[in-house]
Amino acid sequence: VAALSPDQMTGPVPVQTLREDFQKLADEATTPVV
């Protein structure tokens, strides 16, 4: 399970940071992701 804070979902998104976090998670995950 991955989550963002409500502020991060509704305000300006730090796109590069989010992209890097998603990449790390995609590389590391071994189960389906929520």
Full PDB file with SEQRES, HELIX, SHEET, SSBOND, CRYST1, ORIGX, SCALE, CONECT and MASTER records, all heavy atoms in Angstrom:
SEQRES   1 A   34  VAL ALA ALA LEU SER PRO ASP GLN MET THR GLY PRO VAL          
SEQRES   2 A   34  PRO VAL GLN THR LEU ARG GLU ASP PHE GLN LYS LEU ALA          
SEQRES   3 A   34  ASP GLU ALA THR THR PRO VAL VAL                              
HELIX    1 AA1 PRO A    6  THR A   10  1                                   5    
HELIX    2 AA2 VAL A   15  GLU A   28  1                                  14    
CRYST1    1.000    1.000    1.000  90.00  90.00  90.00 P 1           1          
ORIGX1      1.000000  0.000000  0.000000        0.00000                         
ORIGX2      0.000000  1.000000  0.000000        0.00000                         
ORIGX3      0.000000  0.000000  1.000000        0.00000                         
SCALE1      1.000000  0.000000  0.000000        0.00000                         
SCALE2      0.000000  1.000000  0.000000        0.00000                         
SCALE3      0.000000  0.000000  1.000000        0.00000                         
ATOM      1  N   VAL A   1       0.849  -1.190   0.000  1.00  0.00           N  
ATOM      2  CA  VAL A   1       0.000   0.000   0.000  1.00  0.00           C  
ATOM      3  C   VAL A   1       0.885   1.241   0.000  1.00  0.00           C  
ATOM      4  O   VAL A   1       1.790   1.367   0.824  1.00  0.00           O  
ATOM      5  CB  VAL A   1      -0.941   0.022   1.224  1.00  0.00           C  
ATOM      6  CG1 VAL A   1      -1.803   1.284   1.216  1.00  0.00           C  
ATOM      7  CG2 VAL A   1      -1.813  -1.225   1.254  1.00  0.00           C  
ATOM      8  N   ALA A   2       0.620   2.142  -0.945  1.00  0.00           N  
ATOM      9  CA  ALA A   2       1.328   3.426  -1.025  1.00  0.00           C  
ATOM     10  C   ALA A   2       0.298   4.533  -0.894  1.00  0.00           C  
ATOM     11  O   ALA A   2      -0.793   4.440  -1.452  1.00  0.00           O  
ATOM     12  CB  ALA A   2       2.065   3.538  -2.354  1.00  0.00           C  
ATOM     13  N   ALA A   3       0.655   5.568  -0.145  1.00  0.00           N  
ATOM     14  CA  ALA A   3      -0.275   6.676   0.059  1.00  0.00           C  
ATOM     15  C   ALA A   3       0.453   8.003  -0.011  1.00  0.00           C  
ATOM     16  O   ALA A   3       1.650   8.088   0.277  1.00  0.00           O  
ATOM     17  CB  ALA A   3      -0.967   6.527   1.414  1.00  0.00           C  
ATOM     18  N   LEU A   4      -0.287   9.007  -0.392  1.00  0.00           N  
ATOM     19  CA  LEU A   4       0.168  10.396  -0.375  1.00  0.00           C  
ATOM     20  C   LEU A   4      -0.686  11.131   0.642  1.00  0.00           C  
ATOM     21  O   LEU A   4      -1.832  10.761   0.885  1.00  0.00           O  
ATOM     22  CB  LEU A   4      -0.035  11.043  -1.742  1.00  0.00           C  
ATOM     23  CG  LEU A   4       0.840  10.538  -2.868  1.00  0.00           C  
ATOM     24  CD1 LEU A   4       0.253  10.944  -4.208  1.00  0.00           C  
ATOM     25  CD2 LEU A   4       2.226  11.101  -2.715  1.00  0.00           C  
ATOM     26  N   SER A   5      -0.162  12.197   1.196  1.00  0.00           N  
ATOM     27  CA  SER A   5      -0.977  13.002   2.102  1.00  0.00           C  
ATOM     28  C   SER A   5      -2.016  13.758   1.280  1.00  0.00           C  
ATOM     29  O   SER A   5      -1.796  14.029   0.095  1.00  0.00           O  
ATOM     30  CB  SER A   5      -0.102  13.980   2.880  1.00  0.00           C  
ATOM     31  OG  SER A   5       0.299  15.037   2.039  1.00  0.00           O  
ATOM     32  N   PRO A   6      -3.143  14.138   1.891  1.00  0.00           N  
ATOM     33  CA  PRO A   6      -4.152  14.906   1.149  1.00  0.00           C  
ATOM     34  C   PRO A   6      -3.587  16.194   0.550  1.00  0.00           C  
ATOM     35  O   PRO A   6      -3.960  16.570  -0.558  1.00  0.00           O  
ATOM     36  CB  PRO A   6      -5.212  15.206   2.211  1.00  0.00           C  
ATOM     37  CG  PRO A   6      -5.081  14.083   3.188  1.00  0.00           C  
ATOM     38  CD  PRO A   6      -3.600  13.762   3.229  1.00  0.00           C  
ATOM     39  N   ASP A   7      -2.675  16.857   1.252  1.00  0.00           N  
ATOM     40  CA  ASP A   7      -2.072  18.078   0.713  1.00  0.00           C  
ATOM     41  C   ASP A   7      -1.304  17.807  -0.569  1.00  0.00           C  
ATOM     42  O   ASP A   7      -1.304  18.616  -1.499  1.00  0.00           O  
ATOM     43  CB  ASP A   7      -1.129  18.720   1.731  1.00  0.00           C  
ATOM     44  CG  ASP A   7      -1.877  19.305   2.918  1.00  0.00           C  
ATOM     45  OD1 ASP A   7      -3.103  19.513   2.805  1.00  0.00           O  
ATOM     46  OD2 ASP A   7      -1.238  19.547   3.947  1.00  0.00           O  
ATOM     47  N   GLN A   8      -0.629  16.659  -0.630  1.00  0.00           N  
ATOM     48  CA  GLN A   8       0.155  16.317  -1.821  1.00  0.00           C  
ATOM     49  C   GLN A   8      -0.744  15.941  -2.990  1.00  0.00           C  
ATOM     50  O   GLN A   8      -0.343  16.058  -4.140  1.00  0.00           O  
ATOM     51  CB  GLN A   8       1.120  15.179  -1.514  1.00  0.00           C  
ATOM     52  CG  GLN A   8       2.210  15.585  -0.548  1.00  0.00           C  
ATOM     53  CD  GLN A   8       2.920  14.389   0.042  1.00  0.00           C  
ATOM     54  OE1 GLN A   8       2.331  13.348   0.283  1.00  0.00           O  
ATOM     55  NE2 GLN A   8       4.216  14.549   0.289  1.00  0.00           N  
ATOM     56  N   MET A   9      -1.959  15.485  -2.710  1.00  0.00           N  
ATOM     57  CA  MET A   9      -2.869  15.088  -3.781  1.00  0.00           C  
ATOM     58  C   MET A   9      -3.622  16.260  -4.372  1.00  0.00           C  
ATOM     59  O   MET A   9      -4.061  16.202  -5.515  1.00  0.00           O  
ATOM     60  CB  MET A   9      -3.867  14.049  -3.261  1.00  0.00           C  
ATOM     61  CG  MET A   9      -3.235  12.712  -2.999  1.00  0.00           C  
ATOM     62  SD  MET A   9      -4.448  11.501  -2.483  1.00  0.00           S  
ATOM     63  CE  MET A   9      -4.473  11.771  -0.723  1.00  0.00           C  
ATOM     64  N   THR A  10      -3.803  17.326  -3.596  1.00  0.00           N  
ATOM     65  CA  THR A  10      -4.641  18.430  -4.061  1.00  0.00           C  
ATOM     66  C   THR A  10      -3.856  19.696  -4.380  1.00  0.00           C  
ATOM     67  O   THR A  10      -4.387  20.590  -5.017  1.00  0.00           O  
ATOM     68  CB  THR A  10      -5.719  18.762  -3.016  1.00  0.00           C  
ATOM     69  OG1 THR A  10      -5.075  19.109  -1.789  1.00  0.00           O  
ATOM     70  CG2 THR A  10      -6.658  17.597  -2.806  1.00  0.00           C  
ATOM     71  N   GLY A  11      -2.612  19.766  -3.931  1.00  0.00           N  
ATOM     72  CA  GLY A  11      -1.804  20.955  -4.180  1.00  0.00           C  
ATOM     73  C   GLY A  11      -0.794  20.694  -5.276  1.00  0.00           C  
ATOM     74  O   GLY A  11      -0.852  19.671  -5.955  1.00  0.00           O  
ATOM     75  N   PRO A  12       0.126  21.605  -5.448  1.00  0.00           N  
ATOM     76  CA  PRO A  12       1.181  21.390  -6.443  1.00  0.00           C  
ATOM     77  C   PRO A  12       1.963  20.114  -6.125  1.00  0.00           C  
ATOM     78  O   PRO A  12       2.427  19.930  -5.005  1.00  0.00           O  
ATOM     79  CB  PRO A  12       2.070  22.628  -6.301  1.00  0.00           C  
ATOM     80  CG  PRO A  12       1.243  23.631  -5.581  1.00  0.00           C  
ATOM     81  CD  PRO A  12       0.262  22.869  -4.755  1.00  0.00           C  
ATOM     82  N   VAL A  13       2.045  19.233  -7.093  1.00  0.00           N  
ATOM     83  CA  VAL A  13       2.716  17.955  -6.903  1.00  0.00           C  
ATOM     84  C   VAL A  13       4.185  18.097  -7.292  1.00  0.00           C  
ATOM     85  O   VAL A  13       4.490  18.565  -8.390  1.00  0.00           O  
ATOM     86  CB  VAL A  13       2.052  16.861  -7.776  1.00  0.00           C  
ATOM     87  CG1 VAL A  13       2.785  15.548  -7.654  1.00  0.00           C  
ATOM     88  CG2 VAL A  13       0.592  16.698  -7.392  1.00  0.00           C  
ATOM     89  N   PRO A  14       5.102  17.703  -6.396  1.00  0.00           N  
ATOM     90  CA  PRO A  14       6.521  17.692  -6.774  1.00  0.00           C  
ATOM     91  C   PRO A  14       6.745  16.505  -7.729  1.00  0.00           C  
ATOM     92  O   PRO A  14       7.112  15.412  -7.311  1.00  0.00           O  
ATOM     93  CB  PRO A  14       7.249  17.532  -5.445  1.00  0.00           C  
ATOM     94  CG  PRO A  14       6.247  16.892  -4.532  1.00  0.00           C  
ATOM     95  CD  PRO A  14       4.894  17.308  -5.015  1.00  0.00           C  
ATOM     96  N   VAL A  15       6.484  16.734  -9.001  1.00  0.00           N  
ATOM     97  CA  VAL A  15       6.412  15.663  -9.999  1.00  0.00           C  
ATOM     98  C   VAL A  15       7.685  14.824 -10.038  1.00  0.00           C  
ATOM     99  O   VAL A  15       7.613  13.588 -10.049  1.00  0.00           O  
ATOM    100  CB  VAL A  15       6.079  16.241 -11.393  1.00  0.00           C  
ATOM    101  CG1 VAL A  15       6.137  15.164 -12.461  1.00  0.00           C  
ATOM    102  CG2 VAL A  15       4.712  16.904 -11.373  1.00  0.00           C  
ATOM    103  N   GLN A  16       8.840  15.443 -10.072  1.00  0.00           N  
ATOM    104  CA  GLN A  16      10.083  14.677 -10.169  1.00  0.00           C  
ATOM    105  C   GLN A  16      10.272  13.781  -8.946  1.00  0.00           C  
ATOM    106  O   GLN A  16      10.659  12.621  -9.072  1.00  0.00           O  
ATOM    107  CB  GLN A  16      11.287  15.602 -10.340  1.00  0.00           C  
ATOM    108  CG  GLN A  16      12.594  14.857 -10.589  1.00  0.00           C  
ATOM    109  CD  GLN A  16      12.556  14.000 -11.848  1.00  0.00           C  
ATOM    110  OE1 GLN A  16      11.962  14.359 -12.863  1.00  0.00           O  
ATOM    111  NE2 GLN A  16      13.178  12.835 -11.793  1.00  0.00           N  
ATOM    112  N   THR A  17       9.973  14.282  -7.772  1.00  0.00           N  
ATOM    113  CA  THR A  17      10.104  13.491  -6.552  1.00  0.00           C  
ATOM    114  C   THR A  17       9.108  12.340  -6.560  1.00  0.00           C  
ATOM    115  O   THR A  17       9.457  11.207  -6.219  1.00  0.00           O  
ATOM    116  CB  THR A  17       9.884  14.376  -5.307  1.00  0.00           C  
ATOM    117  OG1 THR A  17      10.814  15.451  -5.345  1.00  0.00           O  
ATOM    118  CG2 THR A  17      10.070  13.590  -4.024  1.00  0.00           C  
ATOM    119  N   LEU A  18       7.876  12.611  -6.955  1.00  0.00           N  
ATOM    120  CA  LEU A  18       6.867  11.558  -7.037  1.00  0.00           C  
ATOM    121  C   LEU A  18       7.281  10.503  -8.053  1.00  0.00           C  
ATOM    122  O   LEU A  18       7.181   9.305  -7.794  1.00  0.00           O  
ATOM    123  CB  LEU A  18       5.511  12.148  -7.412  1.00  0.00           C  
ATOM    124  CG  LEU A  18       4.373  11.147  -7.511  1.00  0.00           C  
ATOM    125  CD1 LEU A  18       4.132  10.456  -6.177  1.00  0.00           C  
ATOM    126  CD2 LEU A  18       3.107  11.851  -8.003  1.00  0.00           C  
ATOM    127  N   ARG A  19       7.791  10.932  -9.197  1.00  0.00           N  
ATOM    128  CA  ARG A  19       8.245   9.995 -10.230  1.00  0.00           C  
ATOM    129  C   ARG A  19       9.349   9.089  -9.693  1.00  0.00           C  
ATOM    130  O   ARG A  19       9.343   7.882  -9.920  1.00  0.00           O  
ATOM    131  CB  ARG A  19       8.739  10.772 -11.441  1.00  0.00           C  
ATOM    132  CG  ARG A  19       9.116   9.907 -12.630  1.00  0.00           C  
ATOM    133  CD  ARG A  19       9.487  10.747 -13.814  1.00  0.00           C  
ATOM    134  NE  ARG A  19       8.311  11.504 -14.246  1.00  0.00           N  
ATOM    135  CZ  ARG A  19       8.370  12.640 -14.935  1.00  0.00           C  
ATOM    136  NH1 ARG A  19       9.547  13.146 -15.276  1.00  0.00           N  
ATOM    137  NH2 ARG A  19       7.274  13.263 -15.299  1.00  0.00           N  
ATOM    138  N   GLU A  20      10.282   9.670  -8.965  1.00  0.00           N  
ATOM    139  CA  GLU A  20      11.377   8.877  -8.387  1.00  0.00           C  
ATOM    140  C   GLU A  20      10.854   7.881  -7.349  1.00  0.00           C  
ATOM    141  O   GLU A  20      11.287   6.727  -7.326  1.00  0.00           O  
ATOM    142  CB  GLU A  20      12.418   9.803  -7.766  1.00  0.00           C  
ATOM    143  CG  GLU A  20      13.202  10.584  -8.798  1.00  0.00           C  
ATOM    144  CD  GLU A  20      14.033  11.712  -8.200  1.00  0.00           C  
ATOM    145  OE1 GLU A  20      14.082  11.840  -6.947  1.00  0.00           O  
ATOM    146  OE2 GLU A  20      14.637  12.469  -8.985  1.00  0.00           O  
ATOM    147  N   ASP A  21       9.918   8.315  -6.500  1.00  0.00           N  
ATOM    148  CA  ASP A  21       9.337   7.399  -5.511  1.00  0.00           C  
ATOM    149  C   ASP A  21       8.576   6.269  -6.190  1.00  0.00           C  
ATOM    150  O   ASP A  21       8.705   5.101  -5.813  1.00  0.00           O  
ATOM    151  CB  ASP A  21       8.412   8.150  -4.558  1.00  0.00           C  
ATOM    152  CG  ASP A  21       9.137   8.823  -3.415  1.00  0.00           C  
ATOM    153  OD1 ASP A  21      10.388   8.793  -3.385  1.00  0.00           O  
ATOM    154  OD2 ASP A  21       8.449   9.384  -2.533  1.00  0.00           O  
ATOM    155  N   PHE A  22       7.771   6.600  -7.205  1.00  0.00           N  
ATOM    156  CA  PHE A  22       7.042   5.557  -7.935  1.00  0.00           C  
ATOM    157  C   PHE A  22       8.013   4.585  -8.599  1.00  0.00           C  
ATOM    158  O   PHE A  22       7.784   3.376  -8.621  1.00  0.00           O  
ATOM    159  CB  PHE A  22       6.116   6.175  -8.981  1.00  0.00           C  
ATOM    160  CG  PHE A  22       4.781   6.626  -8.460  1.00  0.00           C  
ATOM    161  CD1 PHE A  22       4.072   7.606  -9.134  1.00  0.00           C  
ATOM    162  CD2 PHE A  22       4.203   6.084  -7.321  1.00  0.00           C  
ATOM    163  CE1 PHE A  22       2.822   8.032  -8.696  1.00  0.00           C  
ATOM    164  CE2 PHE A  22       2.956   6.502  -6.862  1.00  0.00           C  
ATOM    165  CZ  PHE A  22       2.270   7.475  -7.560  1.00  0.00           C  
ATOM    166  N   GLN A  23       9.113   5.088  -9.154  1.00  0.00           N  
ATOM    167  CA  GLN A  23      10.095   4.214  -9.791  1.00  0.00           C  
ATOM    168  C   GLN A  23      10.711   3.255  -8.772  1.00  0.00           C  
ATOM    169  O   GLN A  23      10.833   2.065  -9.025  1.00  0.00           O  
ATOM    170  CB  GLN A  23      11.194   5.022 -10.472  1.00  0.00           C  
ATOM    171  CG  GLN A  23      12.269   4.165 -11.125  1.00  0.00           C  
ATOM    172  CD  GLN A  23      11.726   3.318 -12.258  1.00  0.00           C  
ATOM    173  OE1 GLN A  23      11.044   3.826 -13.138  1.00  0.00           O  
ATOM    174  NE2 GLN A  23      12.009   2.030 -12.247  1.00  0.00           N  
ATOM    175  N   LYS A  24      11.091   3.786  -7.617  1.00  0.00           N  
ATOM    176  CA  LYS A  24      11.646   2.930  -6.557  1.00  0.00           C  
ATOM    177  C   LYS A  24      10.662   1.850  -6.161  1.00  0.00           C  
ATOM    178  O   LYS A  24      11.024   0.682  -6.020  1.00  0.00           O  
ATOM    179  CB  LYS A  24      12.008   3.760  -5.315  1.00  0.00           C  
ATOM    180  CG  LYS A  24      13.233   4.602  -5.460  1.00  0.00           C  
ATOM    181  CD  LYS A  24      13.451   5.377  -4.164  1.00  0.00           C  
ATOM    182  CE  LYS A  24      14.538   6.409  -4.304  1.00  0.00           C  
ATOM    183  NZ  LYS A  24      14.704   7.193  -3.068  1.00  0.00           N  
ATOM    184  N   LEU A  25       9.409   2.253  -5.965  1.00  0.00           N  
ATOM    185  CA  LEU A  25       8.404   1.288  -5.553  1.00  0.00           C  
ATOM    186  C   LEU A  25       8.155   0.254  -6.645  1.00  0.00           C  
ATOM    187  O   LEU A  25       8.061  -0.948  -6.369  1.00  0.00           O  
ATOM    188  CB  LEU A  25       7.100   2.000  -5.180  1.00  0.00           C  
ATOM    189  CG  LEU A  25       5.969   1.106  -4.696  1.00  0.00           C  
ATOM    190  CD1 LEU A  25       6.407   0.199  -3.545  1.00  0.00           C  
ATOM    191  CD2 LEU A  25       4.772   1.952  -4.300  1.00  0.00           C  
ATOM    192  N   ALA A  26       8.075   0.677  -7.886  1.00  0.00           N  
ATOM    193  CA  ALA A  26       7.872  -0.261  -8.994  1.00  0.00           C  
ATOM    194  C   ALA A  26       9.027  -1.255  -9.082  1.00  0.00           C  
ATOM    195  O   ALA A  26       8.822  -2.431  -9.368  1.00  0.00           O  
ATOM    196  CB  ALA A  26       7.712   0.492 -10.309  1.00  0.00           C  
ATOM    197  N   ASP A  27      10.238  -0.796  -8.816  1.00  0.00           N  
ATOM    198  CA  ASP A  27      11.400  -1.678  -8.860  1.00  0.00           C  
ATOM    199  C   ASP A  27      11.438  -2.643  -7.683  1.00  0.00           C  
ATOM    200  O   ASP A  27      11.919  -3.764  -7.802  1.00  0.00           O  
ATOM    201  CB  ASP A  27      12.696  -0.860  -8.868  1.00  0.00           C  
ATOM    202  CG  ASP A  27      12.907  -0.112 -10.167  1.00  0.00           C  
ATOM    203  OD1 ASP A  27      12.232  -0.425 -11.166  1.00  0.00           O  
ATOM    204  OD2 ASP A  27      13.758   0.804 -10.184  1.00  0.00           O  
ATOM    205  N   GLU A  28      10.939  -2.197  -6.526  1.00  0.00           N  
ATOM    206  CA  GLU A  28      11.044  -2.993  -5.305  1.00  0.00           C  
ATOM    207  C   GLU A  28       9.845  -3.898  -5.043  1.00  0.00           C  
ATOM    208  O   GLU A  28       9.980  -4.943  -4.407  1.00  0.00           O  
ATOM    209  CB  GLU A  28      11.235  -2.058  -4.107  1.00  0.00           C  
ATOM    210  CG  GLU A  28      11.443  -2.797  -2.808  1.00  0.00           C  
ATOM    211  CD  GLU A  28      11.587  -1.866  -1.632  1.00  0.00           C  
ATOM    212  OE1 GLU A  28      10.674  -1.068  -1.391  1.00  0.00           O  
ATOM    213  OE2 GLU A  28      12.615  -1.959  -0.953  1.00  0.00           O  
ATOM    214  N   ALA A  29       8.671  -3.530  -5.500  1.00  0.00           N  
ATOM    215  CA  ALA A  29       7.447  -4.262  -5.172  1.00  0.00           C  
ATOM    216  C   ALA A  29       7.517  -5.712  -5.639  1.00  0.00           C  
ATOM    217  O   ALA A  29       8.012  -6.006  -6.725  1.00  0.00           O  
ATOM    218  CB  ALA A  29       6.240  -3.572  -5.795  1.00  0.00           C  
ATOM    219  N   THR A  30       7.000  -6.579  -4.804  1.00  0.00           N  
ATOM    220  CA  THR A  30       6.908  -8.001  -5.148  1.00  0.00           C  
ATOM    221  C   THR A  30       5.461  -8.482  -5.093  1.00  0.00           C  
ATOM    222  O   THR A  30       5.188  -9.641  -5.397  1.00  0.00           O  
ATOM    223  CB  THR A  30       7.773  -8.857  -4.201  1.00  0.00           C  
ATOM    224  OG1 THR A  30       7.333  -8.640  -2.860  1.00  0.00           O  
ATOM    225  CG2 THR A  30       9.248  -8.510  -4.340  1.00  0.00           C  
ATOM    226  N   THR A  31       4.556  -7.598  -4.696  1.00  0.00           N  
ATOM    227  CA  THR A  31       3.130  -7.915  -4.630  1.00  0.00           C  
ATOM    228  C   THR A  31       2.364  -6.825  -5.381  1.00  0.00           C  
ATOM    229  O   THR A  31       2.907  -5.750  -5.649  1.00  0.00           O  
ATOM    230  CB  THR A  31       2.639  -7.937  -3.163  1.00  0.00           C  
ATOM    231  OG1 THR A  31       2.840  -6.651  -2.576  1.00  0.00           O  
ATOM    232  CG2 THR A  31       3.375  -8.999  -2.345  1.00  0.00           C  
ATOM    233  N   PRO A  32       1.087  -7.077  -5.705  1.00  0.00           N  
ATOM    234  CA  PRO A  32       0.278  -6.017  -6.317  1.00  0.00           C  
ATOM    235  C   PRO A  32       0.293  -4.774  -5.429  1.00  0.00           C  
ATOM    236  O   PRO A  32       0.442  -4.863  -4.209  1.00  0.00           O  
ATOM    237  CB  PRO A  32      -1.118  -6.632  -6.390  1.00  0.00           C  
ATOM    238  CG  PRO A  32      -0.876  -8.112  -6.395  1.00  0.00           C  
ATOM    239  CD  PRO A  32       0.337  -8.317  -5.532  1.00  0.00           C  
ATOM    240  N   VAL A  33       0.112  -3.600  -6.058  1.00  0.00           N  
ATOM    241  CA  VAL A  33       0.236  -2.335  -5.343  1.00  0.00           C  
ATOM    242  C   VAL A  33      -1.107  -1.610  -5.304  1.00  0.00           C  
ATOM    243  O   VAL A  33      -1.807  -1.516  -6.311  1.00  0.00           O  
ATOM    244  CB  VAL A  33       1.295  -1.432  -6.004  1.00  0.00           C  
ATOM    245  CG1 VAL A  33       1.368  -0.074  -5.313  1.00  0.00           C  
ATOM    246  CG2 VAL A  33       2.658  -2.115  -5.985  1.00  0.00           C  
ATOM    247  N   VAL A  34      -1.437  -1.105  -4.110  1.00  0.00           N  
ATOM    248  CA  VAL A  34      -2.604  -0.257  -3.906  1.00  0.00           C  
ATOM    249  C   VAL A  34      -2.099   1.170  -3.742  1.00  0.00           C  
ATOM    250  O   VAL A  34      -1.243   1.428  -2.900  1.00  0.00           O  
ATOM    251  CB  VAL A  34      -3.385  -0.671  -2.639  1.00  0.00           C  
ATOM    252  CG1 VAL A  34      -4.507   0.333  -2.358  1.00  0.00           C  
ATOM    253  CG2 VAL A  34      -3.916  -2.092  -2.762  1.00  0.00           C  
TER     254      VAL A  34                                                      
MASTER        0    0    0    2    0    0    0    6  253    1    0    3          
END                                                                             
